[in-house]
Amino acid sequence: MQTTRKSVVDYVKKLMKEGNESPIHGWVMSEILSKVSERYEDSEDALQVARYYITVTHAGLTIQRMGDLTRNFKGA
């Protein structure tokens, strides 16, 4: 299977949709990444695309935001 960013993102979107339509009405990032790893034969590129798509697009996390959260947590 050819790995493209679009194919990985489309697969992640499909898994998120399935999770949201399931009885628990949600999804778990680690489960999605595990399925991406299986589907794309442990491709590090596919995992990076999937992780970036989930964290930046859906969780709104950026490197700066993650740093802010870390600093706030340590100071609590």
C-alpha atoms as a PDB file:
ATOM      1  CA  MET A   1       0.000   0.000   0.000  1.00  0.00           C
ATOM      2  CA  GLN A   2       1.365   3.394  -0.991  1.00  0.00           C
ATOM      3  CA  THR A   3       1.623   5.788   1.900  1.00  0.00           C
ATOM      4  CA  THR A   4       0.570   9.359   1.246  1.00  0.00           C
ATOM      5  CA  ARG A   5      -0.387  12.035   3.735  1.00  0.00           C
ATOM      6  CA  LYS A   6      -3.893  12.094   2.316  1.00  0.00           C
ATOM      7  CA  SER A   7      -4.327   8.328   2.664  1.00  0.00           C
ATOM      8  CA  VAL A   8      -3.151   8.421   6.288  1.00  0.00           C
ATOM      9  CA  VAL A   9      -5.358  11.401   7.189  1.00  0.00           C
ATOM     10  CA  ASP A  10      -8.354   9.806   5.453  1.00  0.00           C
ATOM     11  CA  TYR A  11      -7.783   6.596   7.422  1.00  0.00           C
ATOM     12  CA  VAL A  12      -7.469   8.529  10.716  1.00  0.00           C
ATOM     13  CA  LYS A  13     -10.685  10.437   9.932  1.00  0.00           C
ATOM     14  CA  LYS A  14     -12.444   7.114   9.252  1.00  0.00           C
ATOM     15  CA  LEU A  15     -11.267   5.672  12.575  1.00  0.00           C
ATOM     16  CA  MET A  16     -12.333   8.825  14.452  1.00  0.00           C
ATOM     17  CA  LYS A  17     -15.757   8.722  12.825  1.00  0.00           C
ATOM     18  CA  GLU A  18     -16.171   5.036  13.720  1.00  0.00           C
ATOM     19  CA  GLY A  19     -15.181   5.848  17.309  1.00  0.00           C
ATOM     20  CA  ASN A  20     -17.604   8.748  17.546  1.00  0.00           C
ATOM     21  CA  GLU A  21     -20.417   6.543  16.214  1.00  0.00           C
ATOM     22  CA  SER A  22     -19.598   3.675  18.600  1.00  0.00           C
ATOM     23  CA  PRO A  23     -21.362   3.077  21.933  1.00  0.00           C
ATOM     24  CA  ILE A  24     -18.619   4.979  23.779  1.00  0.00           C
ATOM     25  CA  HIS A  25     -18.957   8.005  21.433  1.00  0.00           C
ATOM     26  CA  GLY A  26     -15.244   8.640  21.195  1.00  0.00           C
ATOM     27  CA  TRP A  27     -11.810   7.441  20.211  1.00  0.00           C
ATOM     28  CA  VAL A  28      -8.393   6.945  21.778  1.00  0.00           C
ATOM     29  CA  MET A  29      -5.285   8.314  20.101  1.00  0.00           C
ATOM     30  CA  SER A  30      -3.128   5.335  21.060  1.00  0.00           C
ATOM     31  CA  GLU A  31      -5.625   2.920  19.485  1.00  0.00           C
ATOM     32  CA  ILE A  32      -5.719   4.946  16.277  1.00  0.00           C
ATOM     33  CA  LEU A  33      -1.919   5.073  16.131  1.00  0.00           C
ATOM     34  CA  SER A  34      -1.759   1.318  16.692  1.00  0.00           C
ATOM     35  CA  LYS A  35      -4.136   0.727  13.779  1.00  0.00           C
ATOM     36  CA  VAL A  36      -2.170   3.143  11.575  1.00  0.00           C
ATOM     37  CA  SER A  37       1.016   1.261  12.464  1.00  0.00           C
ATOM     38  CA  GLU A  38      -0.583  -2.050  11.486  1.00  0.00           C
ATOM     39  CA  ARG A  39      -2.104  -0.760   8.252  1.00  0.00           C
ATOM     40  CA  TYR A  40       1.022   1.039   7.070  1.00  0.00           C
ATOM     41  CA  GLU A  41       3.448  -1.676   8.211  1.00  0.00           C
ATOM     42  CA  ASP A  42       5.117   0.284  11.007  1.00  0.00           C
ATOM     43  CA  SER A  43       5.833   3.275   8.766  1.00  0.00           C
ATOM     44  CA  GLU A  44       7.278   6.025  10.946  1.00  0.00           C
ATOM     45  CA  ASP A  45       6.164   8.580   8.354  1.00  0.00           C
ATOM     46  CA  ALA A  46       2.551   7.393   8.593  1.00  0.00           C
ATOM     47  CA  LEU A  47       2.670   7.547  12.388  1.00  0.00           C
ATOM     48  CA  GLN A  48       4.080  11.080  12.325  1.00  0.00           C
ATOM     49  CA  VAL A  49       1.346  12.251   9.950  1.00  0.00           C
ATOM     50  CA  ALA A  50      -1.368  10.608  12.074  1.00  0.00           C
ATOM     51  CA  ARG A  51       0.022  11.957  15.356  1.00  0.00           C
ATOM     52  CA  TYR A  52       0.366  15.474  13.927  1.00  0.00           C
ATOM     53  CA  TYR A  53      -3.135  15.410  12.448  1.00  0.00           C
ATOM     54  CA  ILE A  54      -4.678  14.343  15.748  1.00  0.00           C
ATOM     55  CA  THR A  55      -2.709  16.626  18.066  1.00  0.00           C
ATOM     56  CA  VAL A  56      -2.684  19.797  15.989  1.00  0.00           C
ATOM     57  CA  THR A  57      -5.927  19.565  14.054  1.00  0.00           C
ATOM     58  CA  HIS A  58      -8.176  18.019  16.692  1.00  0.00           C
ATOM     59  CA  ALA A  59      -6.596  18.747  20.034  1.00  0.00           C
ATOM     60  CA  GLY A  60      -5.338  22.200  19.058  1.00  0.00           C
ATOM     61  CA  LEU A  61      -1.904  21.443  20.450  1.00  0.00           C
ATOM     62  CA  THR A  62       1.147  23.120  18.992  1.00  0.00           C
ATOM     63  CA  ILE A  63       4.716  23.009  20.248  1.00  0.00           C
ATOM     64  CA  GLN A  64       4.177  26.400  21.910  1.00  0.00           C
ATOM     65  CA  ARG A  65       0.849  25.349  23.445  1.00  0.00           C
ATOM     66  CA  MET A  66       2.344  22.092  24.737  1.00  0.00           C
ATOM     67  CA  GLY A  67       5.174  24.111  26.303  1.00  0.00           C
ATOM     68  CA  ASP A  68       2.647  26.414  27.931  1.00  0.00           C
ATOM     69  CA  LEU A  69       0.744  23.459  29.354  1.00  0.00           C
ATOM     70  CA  THR A  70       3.952  21.893  30.667  1.00  0.00           C
ATOM     71  CA  ARG A  71       5.077  25.101  32.353  1.00  0.00           C
ATOM     72  CA  ASN A  72       1.650  25.601  33.926  1.00  0.00           C
ATOM     73  CA  PHE A  73       1.567  22.004  35.156  1.00  0.00           C
ATOM     74  CA  LYS A  74       5.025  22.203  36.750  1.00  0.00           C
ATOM     75  CA  GLY A  75       4.102  25.438  38.473  1.00  0.00           C
ATOM     76  CA  ALA A  76       0.915  24.059  40.003  1.00  0.00           C
END
